[in-house]
Structure formats: C-alpha cells, structure tokens
Protein backbone atom coordinates (compact mmCIF):
# COMPACT_ATOMS: atom_id res chain seq x y z
CA MET A 1 1.68 26.53 65.26
CA GLY A 2 4.59 26.68 68.19
CA VAL A 3 8.09 28.32 68.49
CA PHE A 4 9.43 25.62 70.28
CA ILE A 5 7.31 22.84 69.93
CA GLU A 6 5.20 21.62 67.23
CA ILE A 7 2.17 18.83 68.51
CA SER A 8 1.26 16.81 65.83
CA VAL A 9 -2.11 14.12 66.15
CA ASN A 10 -3.21 11.56 64.17
CA SER A 11 -6.90 11.60 65.25
CA GLU A 12 -7.63 8.76 63.04
CA LEU A 13 -5.95 6.16 65.98
CA LEU A 14 -7.70 7.64 68.51
CA ASP A 15 -11.31 6.51 69.65
CA PRO A 16 -13.58 9.36 71.67
CA GLU A 17 -12.34 8.18 75.15
CA GLN A 18 -9.17 8.42 74.42
CA SER A 19 -9.46 11.80 73.26
CA GLU A 20 -11.31 12.98 75.70
CA ALA A 21 -8.73 11.49 78.35
CA ILE A 22 -5.98 13.50 76.87
CA ILE A 23 -7.62 16.58 76.90
CA ARG A 24 -8.37 16.36 80.69
CA LEU A 25 -5.08 15.00 81.62
CA CYS A 26 -3.14 18.05 79.90
CA PRO A 27 -2.07 20.33 82.73
CA VAL A 28 -1.59 23.47 80.22
CA ASP A 29 -4.95 22.85 77.92
CA ILE A 30 -3.33 22.01 74.56
CA PHE A 31 -5.81 19.80 73.38
CA GLY A 32 -9.45 20.17 72.10
CA MET A 33 -11.87 18.74 70.03
CA VAL A 34 -12.54 19.96 66.64
CA GLY A 35 -15.77 18.09 65.18
CA ASN A 36 -15.14 14.14 66.68
CA HIS A 37 -11.42 14.72 66.35
CA LEU A 38 -8.73 15.35 69.07
CA ALA A 39 -6.88 18.73 67.75
CA VAL A 40 -4.13 20.76 69.05
CA LYS A 41 -4.81 24.51 70.25
CA PRO A 42 -2.15 26.58 68.06
CA GLU A 43 -2.34 29.55 70.65
CA ASN A 44 -1.39 26.88 73.45
CA GLU A 45 1.29 24.83 71.97
CA ASP A 46 4.38 26.56 73.17
CA GLU A 47 2.79 26.04 76.89
CA CYS A 48 4.01 22.15 76.64
CA THR A 49 5.75 21.23 79.83
CA LEU A 50 6.86 18.09 77.87
CA CYS A 51 5.09 16.16 80.79
CA ARG A 52 4.40 12.97 78.47
CA LEU A 53 0.66 12.58 80.32
CA CYS A 54 -0.20 12.37 76.42
CA LEU A 55 2.27 10.59 74.95
CA GLU A 56 1.51 7.93 77.86
CA THR A 57 -1.93 7.87 77.01
CA ALA A 58 -2.19 7.92 73.27
CA PRO A 59 -1.90 4.94 71.07
CA ARG A 60 1.46 4.19 69.52
CA ALA A 61 2.32 7.30 66.93
CA ALA A 62 -1.00 8.93 67.51
CA ILE A 63 0.75 12.05 69.14
CA VAL A 64 4.11 13.60 68.26
CA ILE A 65 5.82 16.49 69.87
CA HIS A 66 8.55 18.04 67.86
CA LYS A 67 11.17 20.05 69.50
CA THR A 68 11.93 22.42 67.16
CA TYR A 69 14.76 23.69 69.02
CA ASN A 70 17.08 20.63 68.70
CA GLY A 71 15.30 18.45 66.52
CA GLU A 72 14.17 15.59 68.86
CA LYS A 73 10.92 14.03 68.35
CA LEU A 74 8.86 12.51 71.17
CA ILE A 75 6.25 10.10 69.93
CA SER A 76 3.45 8.27 71.83
CA LEU A 77 4.44 4.58 72.66
CA GLY A 78 1.01 3.31 74.00
CA THR A 79 -0.59 0.26 72.88
CA ASN A 80 -2.89 -0.31 70.26
C-alpha cells in the first residue's frame, strides 16, 4: 500500500489482453499478473506519476487511483 497513492484493480472487469496492455503501458512498473489477474505491485505504488495511461486503457471502473493526500479519486473511464 502506498503512502501517497492507493491503486485498486477490479480484475473481473479486465480480459487478459487488457491486463497485458496495462502492464506494458505503465512507465513505472506498477502492475503485474498474479495468476490470471492484474494486480498492483505494492512496493511500486507510490512511484505512480499519474500519467493516466492505465485509466485510458482499462474499462470503466476497472482501475481506481486514490490520492490519499487530498482525497481525489481517478477512475478509469474506458468503454466496456
């Protein structure tokens, strides 16, 4: 769990291809696979640069980035 950023993933909303695309797109290696599910690497969570690439790629509400320092939530808005 990050100090400044908490990222949650609803892997049930992601297919394997979307999960792999998110892993490839993330410039700071936040995501990985656990079994067949996309997961957050807790040790990398605070490295998030808020680039929004994962949010633009993931289906609606599959990824939520919570900025713990101000309470704002960024929610993926892709179509599904």
